[in-house]
Amino acid sequence: MIDSIPMNKLLTLIFAINLIFPSCILAQNSEYSYQAEKIFSEILSPFCPGRSLKDCPSLSASNLKTDIQKKIDKGISEEKIMEDLFQTYGSQISAMPKLSGFGSLAWIVPALFLILGGIVVFIITNSKKVPEEDTQQDSS
């Protein structure tokens, strides 16, 4: 059957399916508001270690997402929802460390290493090199 379809029509059909398919995926995620999606991205899932709530495929995570969306629909603020989540699951679900106390090191240390690495690279690339002529004269 594929042999009877010209190649350009087959490629056009494949291209059209690829254009349509992502819109179907986006339509599935439209049940959550922008505010809910933001919260899902800012916390780690208590049910899938190392994954954000947004990326966790478990049924428990889906239930938690639905609960968060219901709270948003009731008019509860994002800060209050986050506070409730931290109270229930602990501060370890925060996907981003705070800018105060020990969490500030997670922001400062990488920047320091980047700056120090840049200085080392600058020093190495700009250090004076011994010209080859001088080394050849010394060996004679």
C-alpha atoms as a PDB file:
ATOM      1  CA  MET A   1       0.000   0.000   0.000  1.00  0.00           C
ATOM      2  CA  ILE A   2       2.826   2.432   0.814  1.00  0.00           C
ATOM      3  CA  ASP A   3       4.431   1.687  -2.564  1.00  0.00           C
ATOM      4  CA  SER A   4       1.387   3.117  -4.354  1.00  0.00           C
ATOM      5  CA  ILE A   5       1.627   6.498  -2.502  1.00  0.00           C
ATOM      6  CA  PRO A   6       4.059   9.013  -4.025  1.00  0.00           C
ATOM      7  CA  MET A   7       6.946   9.899  -1.711  1.00  0.00           C
ATOM      8  CA  ASN A   8       6.108  13.617  -1.548  1.00  0.00           C
ATOM      9  CA  LYS A   9       2.526  12.884  -0.436  1.00  0.00           C
ATOM     10  CA  LEU A  10       3.798  10.444   2.195  1.00  0.00           C
ATOM     11  CA  LEU A  11       6.240  13.016   3.551  1.00  0.00           C
ATOM     12  CA  THR A  12       3.501  15.662   3.593  1.00  0.00           C
ATOM     13  CA  LEU A  13       1.235  13.300   5.531  1.00  0.00           C
ATOM     14  CA  ILE A  14       3.981  12.534   8.080  1.00  0.00           C
ATOM     15  CA  PHE A  15       4.731  16.249   8.466  1.00  0.00           C
ATOM     16  CA  ALA A  16       1.034  17.050   9.001  1.00  0.00           C
ATOM     17  CA  ILE A  17       0.711  14.342  11.674  1.00  0.00           C
ATOM     18  CA  ASN A  18       3.759  15.744  13.472  1.00  0.00           C
ATOM     19  CA  LEU A  19       2.221  19.205  13.436  1.00  0.00           C
ATOM     20  CA  ILE A  20      -1.110  17.967  14.794  1.00  0.00           C
ATOM     21  CA  PHE A  21       0.235  15.579  17.453  1.00  0.00           C
ATOM     22  CA  PRO A  22       1.924  18.190  19.723  1.00  0.00           C
ATOM     23  CA  SER A  23      -1.305  20.178  19.863  1.00  0.00           C
ATOM     24  CA  CYS A  24      -3.055  17.076  21.194  1.00  0.00           C
ATOM     25  CA  ILE A  25      -0.465  16.785  23.949  1.00  0.00           C
ATOM     26  CA  LEU A  26      -0.868  20.461  24.865  1.00  0.00           C
ATOM     27  CA  ALA A  27      -4.638  20.072  24.969  1.00  0.00           C
ATOM     28  CA  GLN A  28      -4.300  17.304  27.572  1.00  0.00           C
ATOM     29  CA  ASN A  29      -2.356  19.623  29.924  1.00  0.00           C
ATOM     30  CA  SER A  30      -4.821  22.498  29.636  1.00  0.00           C
ATOM     31  CA  GLU A  31      -6.806  21.320  32.676  1.00  0.00           C
ATOM     32  CA  TYR A  32      -4.318  23.175  34.930  1.00  0.00           C
ATOM     33  CA  SER A  33      -3.970  26.943  35.101  1.00  0.00           C
ATOM     34  CA  TYR A  34      -0.729  28.832  34.559  1.00  0.00           C
ATOM     35  CA  GLN A  35      -0.529  29.478  38.297  1.00  0.00           C
ATOM     36  CA  ALA A  36      -0.847  25.751  39.047  1.00  0.00           C
ATOM     37  CA  GLU A  37       1.784  24.847  36.455  1.00  0.00           C
ATOM     38  CA  LYS A  38       4.139  27.366  38.066  1.00  0.00           C
ATOM     39  CA  ILE A  39       3.667  25.719  41.475  1.00  0.00           C
ATOM     40  CA  PHE A  40       4.189  22.250  39.965  1.00  0.00           C
ATOM     41  CA  SER A  41       7.530  23.423  38.556  1.00  0.00           C
ATOM     42  CA  GLU A  42       8.700  25.031  41.792  1.00  0.00           C
ATOM     43  CA  ILE A  43       8.351  21.969  44.009  1.00  0.00           C
ATOM     44  CA  LEU A  44       9.806  18.493  43.933  1.00  0.00           C
ATOM     45  CA  SER A  45       7.377  15.625  43.979  1.00  0.00           C
ATOM     46  CA  PRO A  46       7.079  13.870  47.336  1.00  0.00           C
ATOM     47  CA  PHE A  47       6.180  10.739  45.347  1.00  0.00           C
ATOM     48  CA  CYS A  48       8.914  10.681  42.670  1.00  0.00           C
ATOM     49  CA  PRO A  49      12.338  11.404  44.221  1.00  0.00           C
ATOM     50  CA  GLY A  50      14.398  13.879  42.211  1.00  0.00           C
ATOM     51  CA  ARG A  51      11.558  14.922  39.896  1.00  0.00           C
ATOM     52  CA  SER A  52       9.438  18.034  39.931  1.00  0.00           C
ATOM     53  CA  LEU A  53       5.759  17.603  40.634  1.00  0.00           C
ATOM     54  CA  LYS A  54       5.142  18.687  37.037  1.00  0.00           C
ATOM     55  CA  ASP A  55       7.126  15.703  35.694  1.00  0.00           C
ATOM     56  CA  CYS A  56       5.989  13.038  38.163  1.00  0.00           C
ATOM     57  CA  PRO A  57       3.720  10.450  36.501  1.00  0.00           C
ATOM     58  CA  SER A  58       2.380   8.801  39.694  1.00  0.00           C
ATOM     59  CA  LEU A  59      -1.291   8.717  40.612  1.00  0.00           C
ATOM     60  CA  SER A  60      -0.534  10.378  43.963  1.00  0.00           C
ATOM     61  CA  ALA A  61       1.144  13.264  42.144  1.00  0.00           C
ATOM     62  CA  SER A  62      -1.893  13.627  39.881  1.00  0.00           C
ATOM     63  CA  ASN A  63      -4.125  13.793  42.935  1.00  0.00           C
ATOM     64  CA  LEU A  64      -1.891  16.442  44.507  1.00  0.00           C
ATOM     65  CA  LYS A  65      -1.940  18.474  41.282  1.00  0.00           C
ATOM     66  CA  THR A  66      -5.729  18.323  41.247  1.00  0.00           C
ATOM     67  CA  ASP A  67      -5.868  19.436  44.895  1.00  0.00           C
ATOM     68  CA  ILE A  68      -3.575  22.377  44.131  1.00  0.00           C
ATOM     69  CA  GLN A  69      -5.739  23.392  41.169  1.00  0.00           C
ATOM     70  CA  LYS A  70      -8.870  23.211  43.358  1.00  0.00           C
ATOM     71  CA  LYS A  71      -7.230  25.509  45.917  1.00  0.00           C
ATOM     72  CA  ILE A  72      -6.357  27.983  43.161  1.00  0.00           C
ATOM     73  CA  ASP A  73      -9.937  27.831  41.889  1.00  0.00           C
ATOM     74  CA  LYS A  74     -11.144  28.666  45.423  1.00  0.00           C
ATOM     75  CA  GLY A  75      -8.966  31.796  45.375  1.00  0.00           C
ATOM     76  CA  ILE A  76      -6.251  30.625  47.777  1.00  0.00           C
ATOM     77  CA  SER A  77      -2.998  32.482  47.123  1.00  0.00           C
ATOM     78  CA  GLU A  78       0.060  30.823  45.669  1.00  0.00           C
ATOM     79  CA  GLU A  79       2.058  31.686  48.801  1.00  0.00           C
ATOM     80  CA  LYS A  80      -0.523  30.026  51.068  1.00  0.00           C
ATOM     81  CA  ILE A  81      -0.577  26.897  48.900  1.00  0.00           C
ATOM     82  CA  MET A  82       3.232  26.696  48.976  1.00  0.00           C
ATOM     83  CA  GLU A  83       3.209  27.232  52.737  1.00  0.00           C
ATOM     84  CA  ASP A  84       0.697  24.389  53.164  1.00  0.00           C
ATOM     85  CA  LEU A  85       2.794  22.095  50.964  1.00  0.00           C
ATOM     86  CA  PHE A  86       5.954  22.852  52.953  1.00  0.00           C
ATOM     87  CA  GLN A  87       4.063  22.265  56.185  1.00  0.00           C
ATOM     88  CA  THR A  88       2.744  18.915  54.952  1.00  0.00           C
ATOM     89  CA  TYR A  89       5.802  17.554  53.117  1.00  0.00           C
ATOM     90  CA  GLY A  90       8.685  19.579  54.574  1.00  0.00           C
ATOM     91  CA  SER A  91      11.009  22.158  53.057  1.00  0.00           C
ATOM     92  CA  GLN A  92      12.921  19.465  51.124  1.00  0.00           C
ATOM     93  CA  ILE A  93      10.263  19.593  48.385  1.00  0.00           C
ATOM     94  CA  SER A  94      11.467  23.033  47.341  1.00  0.00           C
ATOM     95  CA  ALA A  95      13.028  22.740  43.893  1.00  0.00           C
ATOM     96  CA  MET A  96      15.003  25.950  44.383  1.00  0.00           C
ATOM     97  CA  PRO A  97      17.017  26.735  47.503  1.00  0.00           C
ATOM     98  CA  LYS A  98      16.206  29.920  49.422  1.00  0.00           C
ATOM     99  CA  LEU A  99      18.487  32.914  49.117  1.00  0.00           C
ATOM    100  CA  SER A 100      18.995  33.021  52.867  1.00  0.00           C
ATOM    101  CA  GLY A 101      21.030  30.965  55.315  1.00  0.00           C
ATOM    102  CA  PHE A 102      22.629  27.743  54.139  1.00  0.00           C
ATOM    103  CA  GLY A 103      20.569  27.780  50.904  1.00  0.00           C
ATOM    104  CA  SER A 104      22.424  30.886  49.768  1.00  0.00           C
ATOM    105  CA  LEU A 105      25.548  28.747  49.290  1.00  0.00           C
ATOM    106  CA  ALA A 106      23.779  26.903  46.471  1.00  0.00           C
ATOM    107  CA  TRP A 107      23.618  30.209  44.606  1.00  0.00           C
ATOM    108  CA  ILE A 108      26.979  31.719  45.612  1.00  0.00           C
ATOM    109  CA  VAL A 109      29.378  28.750  45.273  1.00  0.00           C
ATOM    110  CA  PRO A 110      28.693  28.002  41.573  1.00  0.00           C
ATOM    111  CA  ALA A 111      29.138  31.685  40.733  1.00  0.00           C
ATOM    112  CA  LEU A 112      32.455  31.763  42.618  1.00  0.00           C
ATOM    113  CA  PHE A 113      33.710  28.663  40.797  1.00  0.00           C
ATOM    114  CA  LEU A 114      32.709  30.199  37.472  1.00  0.00           C
ATOM    115  CA  ILE A 115      34.600  33.416  38.262  1.00  0.00           C
ATOM    116  CA  LEU A 116      37.670  31.558  39.581  1.00  0.00           C
ATOM    117  CA  GLY A 117      37.663  29.248  36.567  1.00  0.00           C
ATOM    118  CA  GLY A 118      37.564  32.252  34.254  1.00  0.00           C
ATOM    119  CA  ILE A 119      40.502  33.823  36.077  1.00  0.00           C
ATOM    120  CA  VAL A 120      42.526  30.587  35.833  1.00  0.00           C
ATOM    121  CA  VAL A 121      41.802  30.254  32.112  1.00  0.00           C
ATOM    122  CA  PHE A 122      42.743  33.910  31.575  1.00  0.00           C
ATOM    123  CA  ILE A 123      46.030  33.483  33.465  1.00  0.00           C
ATOM    124  CA  ILE A 124      46.943  30.286  31.612  1.00  0.00           C
ATOM    125  CA  THR A 125      46.170  31.659  28.164  1.00  0.00           C
ATOM    126  CA  ASN A 126      47.918  34.988  28.754  1.00  0.00           C
ATOM    127  CA  SER A 127      50.998  33.766  30.579  1.00  0.00           C
ATOM    128  CA  LYS A 128      54.291  34.497  28.842  1.00  0.00           C
ATOM    129  CA  LYS A 129      55.545  31.557  26.877  1.00  0.00           C
ATOM    130  CA  VAL A 130      59.226  30.936  26.316  1.00  0.00           C
ATOM    131  CA  PRO A 131      59.990  31.550  22.634  1.00  0.00           C
ATOM    132  CA  GLU A 132      61.286  28.502  20.777  1.00  0.00           C
ATOM    133  CA  GLU A 133      64.397  30.344  19.551  1.00  0.00           C
ATOM    134  CA  ASP A 134      65.700  30.851  23.065  1.00  0.00           C
ATOM    135  CA  THR A 135      65.297  27.201  23.993  1.00  0.00           C
ATOM    136  CA  GLN A 136      67.193  26.062  20.886  1.00  0.00           C
ATOM    137  CA  GLN A 137      70.098  28.402  21.584  1.00  0.00           C
ATOM    138  CA  ASP A 138      70.427  27.184  25.165  1.00  0.00           C
ATOM    139  CA  SER A 139      70.817  23.553  24.068  1.00  0.00           C
ATOM    140  CA  SER A 140      73.743  24.238  21.662  1.00  0.00           C
END
